[in-house]
Amino acid sequence: MAVPKRKTGRARTNARRSSHKLTAPASSLCPQCHQPKMPHRVCGECGYYNGKEIIDTE
């Protein structure tokens, strides 16, 4: 069975974990109302997607 000869140092452990971070979700501007929205989703403010009204918002 493989057993490490030496203890893994804090620097090496932290360097390995440096990529374990969260990234903010992508956003784009709605061409109708210019509010930020998720790409490839219906705009929650105006209800438009791809130039067509999908959801009726009052």
N, C-alpha and C. Protein backbone atom coordinates (compact mmCIF):
# COMPACT_ATOMS: atom_id res chain seq x y z
N MET A 1 0.84 -1.18 0.00
CA MET A 1 0.00 0.00 0.00
C MET A 1 0.89 1.24 0.00
N ALA A 2 0.52 2.24 -0.79
CA ALA A 2 1.30 3.47 -0.89
C ALA A 2 1.03 4.36 0.32
N VAL A 3 2.10 4.74 1.00
CA VAL A 3 2.02 5.61 2.17
C VAL A 3 2.98 6.76 1.95
N PRO A 4 2.58 8.01 2.17
CA PRO A 4 3.49 9.13 1.97
C PRO A 4 4.65 9.10 2.96
N LYS A 5 5.84 9.44 2.44
CA LYS A 5 7.02 9.46 3.30
C LYS A 5 7.04 10.68 4.19
N ARG A 6 6.56 11.80 3.67
CA ARG A 6 6.61 13.05 4.42
C ARG A 6 5.21 13.69 4.47
N LYS A 7 5.02 14.53 5.46
CA LYS A 7 3.77 15.26 5.59
C LYS A 7 3.69 16.30 4.47
N THR A 8 2.49 16.45 3.89
CA THR A 8 2.29 17.48 2.87
C THR A 8 2.23 18.83 3.54
N GLY A 9 3.04 19.76 3.05
CA GLY A 9 3.13 21.09 3.66
C GLY A 9 1.91 21.94 3.40
N ARG A 10 1.77 22.99 4.22
CA ARG A 10 0.63 23.89 4.07
C ARG A 10 0.65 24.60 2.72
N ALA A 11 1.83 24.99 2.26
CA ALA A 11 1.93 25.72 1.00
C ALA A 11 1.47 24.84 -0.16
N ARG A 12 1.88 23.61 -0.18
CA ARG A 12 1.48 22.72 -1.27
C ARG A 12 -0.02 22.43 -1.20
N THR A 13 -0.55 22.25 0.01
CA THR A 13 -1.98 22.00 0.16
C THR A 13 -2.78 23.21 -0.29
N ASN A 14 -2.35 24.42 0.11
CA ASN A 14 -3.07 25.62 -0.27
C ASN A 14 -2.95 25.90 -1.76
N ALA A 15 -1.80 25.57 -2.36
CA ALA A 15 -1.65 25.75 -3.80
C ALA A 15 -2.58 24.81 -4.56
N ARG A 16 -2.76 23.62 -4.07
CA ARG A 16 -3.68 22.68 -4.71
C ARG A 16 -5.12 23.16 -4.57
N ARG A 17 -5.45 23.76 -3.45
CA ARG A 17 -6.82 24.21 -3.20
C ARG A 17 -7.11 25.59 -3.79
N SER A 18 -6.15 26.22 -4.42
CA SER A 18 -6.36 27.58 -4.92
C SER A 18 -7.40 27.61 -6.04
N SER A 19 -7.64 26.48 -6.69
CA SER A 19 -8.63 26.46 -7.76
C SER A 19 -10.01 26.05 -7.27
N HIS A 20 -10.19 25.85 -5.97
CA HIS A 20 -11.47 25.43 -5.41
C HIS A 20 -12.30 26.65 -5.03
N LYS A 21 -12.51 27.56 -5.97
CA LYS A 21 -13.24 28.77 -5.64
C LYS A 21 -14.49 28.86 -6.50
N LEU A 22 -15.46 29.59 -6.01
CA LEU A 22 -16.70 29.79 -6.74
C LEU A 22 -16.53 30.94 -7.73
N THR A 23 -17.19 30.84 -8.87
CA THR A 23 -17.18 31.92 -9.83
C THR A 23 -18.60 32.45 -9.96
N ALA A 24 -18.70 33.73 -10.25
CA ALA A 24 -20.01 34.34 -10.41
C ALA A 24 -20.66 33.83 -11.69
N PRO A 25 -21.96 33.62 -11.68
CA PRO A 25 -22.61 33.16 -12.91
C PRO A 25 -22.54 34.23 -13.98
N ALA A 26 -22.51 33.79 -15.23
CA ALA A 26 -22.43 34.73 -16.35
C ALA A 26 -23.73 35.50 -16.47
N SER A 27 -23.63 36.74 -16.94
CA SER A 27 -24.82 37.54 -17.16
C SER A 27 -24.63 38.35 -18.42
N SER A 28 -25.74 38.68 -19.05
CA SER A 28 -25.72 39.52 -20.23
C SER A 28 -26.87 40.52 -20.10
N LEU A 29 -26.88 41.53 -20.96
CA LEU A 29 -27.93 42.54 -20.90
C LEU A 29 -29.07 42.16 -21.83
N CYS A 30 -30.26 42.37 -21.36
CA CYS A 30 -31.45 42.12 -22.18
C CYS A 30 -31.52 43.19 -23.27
N PRO A 31 -31.71 42.79 -24.53
CA PRO A 31 -31.78 43.81 -25.59
C PRO A 31 -33.04 44.66 -25.53
N GLN A 32 -34.08 44.21 -24.84
CA GLN A 32 -35.33 44.97 -24.76
C GLN A 32 -35.28 46.02 -23.65
N CYS A 33 -35.00 45.56 -22.42
CA CYS A 33 -35.07 46.47 -21.27
C CYS A 33 -33.70 46.81 -20.69
N HIS A 34 -32.64 46.21 -21.22
CA HIS A 34 -31.25 46.48 -20.81
C HIS A 34 -31.00 46.18 -19.34
N GLN A 35 -31.68 45.19 -18.81
CA GLN A 35 -31.44 44.72 -17.45
C GLN A 35 -30.57 43.47 -17.52
N PRO A 36 -29.73 43.21 -16.52
CA PRO A 36 -28.92 41.98 -16.57
C PRO A 36 -29.78 40.73 -16.44
N LYS A 37 -29.42 39.70 -17.21
CA LYS A 37 -30.15 38.43 -17.17
C LYS A 37 -29.16 37.32 -17.46
N MET A 38 -29.57 36.10 -17.14
CA MET A 38 -28.75 34.94 -17.45
C MET A 38 -28.81 34.67 -18.95
N PRO A 39 -27.70 34.27 -19.56
CA PRO A 39 -27.75 33.98 -21.00
C PRO A 39 -28.63 32.77 -21.30
N HIS A 40 -29.30 32.81 -22.43
CA HIS A 40 -30.19 31.75 -22.91
C HIS A 40 -31.36 31.52 -21.96
N ARG A 41 -31.82 32.57 -21.29
CA ARG A 41 -32.97 32.49 -20.40
C ARG A 41 -33.92 33.64 -20.75
N VAL A 42 -35.18 33.48 -20.38
CA VAL A 42 -36.16 34.56 -20.55
C VAL A 42 -35.83 35.64 -19.54
N CYS A 43 -35.94 36.89 -19.97
CA CYS A 43 -35.68 38.02 -19.08
C CYS A 43 -36.78 38.07 -18.02
N GLY A 44 -36.40 38.17 -16.78
CA GLY A 44 -37.37 38.21 -15.69
C GLY A 44 -38.06 39.54 -15.56
N GLU A 45 -37.47 40.61 -16.11
CA GLU A 45 -38.06 41.94 -15.99
C GLU A 45 -39.13 42.18 -17.05
N CYS A 46 -38.81 41.88 -18.32
CA CYS A 46 -39.76 42.20 -19.39
C CYS A 46 -40.41 40.96 -19.99
N GLY A 47 -39.86 39.78 -19.79
CA GLY A 47 -40.47 38.55 -20.29
C GLY A 47 -40.13 38.23 -21.73
N TYR A 48 -39.16 38.89 -22.31
CA TYR A 48 -38.79 38.66 -23.70
C TYR A 48 -37.63 37.67 -23.81
N TYR A 49 -37.64 36.90 -24.89
CA TYR A 49 -36.51 36.03 -25.25
C TYR A 49 -36.46 35.97 -26.77
N ASN A 50 -35.30 36.24 -27.33
CA ASN A 50 -35.06 36.17 -28.77
C ASN A 50 -36.02 37.08 -29.54
N GLY A 51 -36.32 38.27 -28.97
CA GLY A 51 -37.17 39.25 -29.65
C GLY A 51 -38.65 38.98 -29.56
N LYS A 52 -39.07 37.95 -28.84
CA LYS A 52 -40.49 37.61 -28.72
C LYS A 52 -40.90 37.64 -27.26
N GLU A 53 -42.13 38.06 -26.99
CA GLU A 53 -42.63 38.07 -25.62
C GLU A 53 -43.07 36.66 -25.26
N ILE A 54 -42.41 36.08 -24.29
CA ILE A 54 -42.68 34.71 -23.86
C ILE A 54 -43.59 34.70 -22.64
N ILE A 55 -43.29 35.56 -21.70
CA ILE A 55 -44.05 35.65 -20.44
C ILE A 55 -44.72 37.01 -20.38
N ASP A 56 -45.99 37.03 -20.07
CA ASP A 56 -46.72 38.29 -19.94
C ASP A 56 -46.43 38.88 -18.56
N THR A 57 -45.69 40.00 -18.54
CA THR A 57 -45.41 40.68 -17.26
C THR A 57 -46.16 42.00 -17.26
N GLU A 58 -46.80 42.29 -16.18
CA GLU A 58 -47.59 43.50 -16.06
C GLU A 58 -46.75 44.63 -15.56
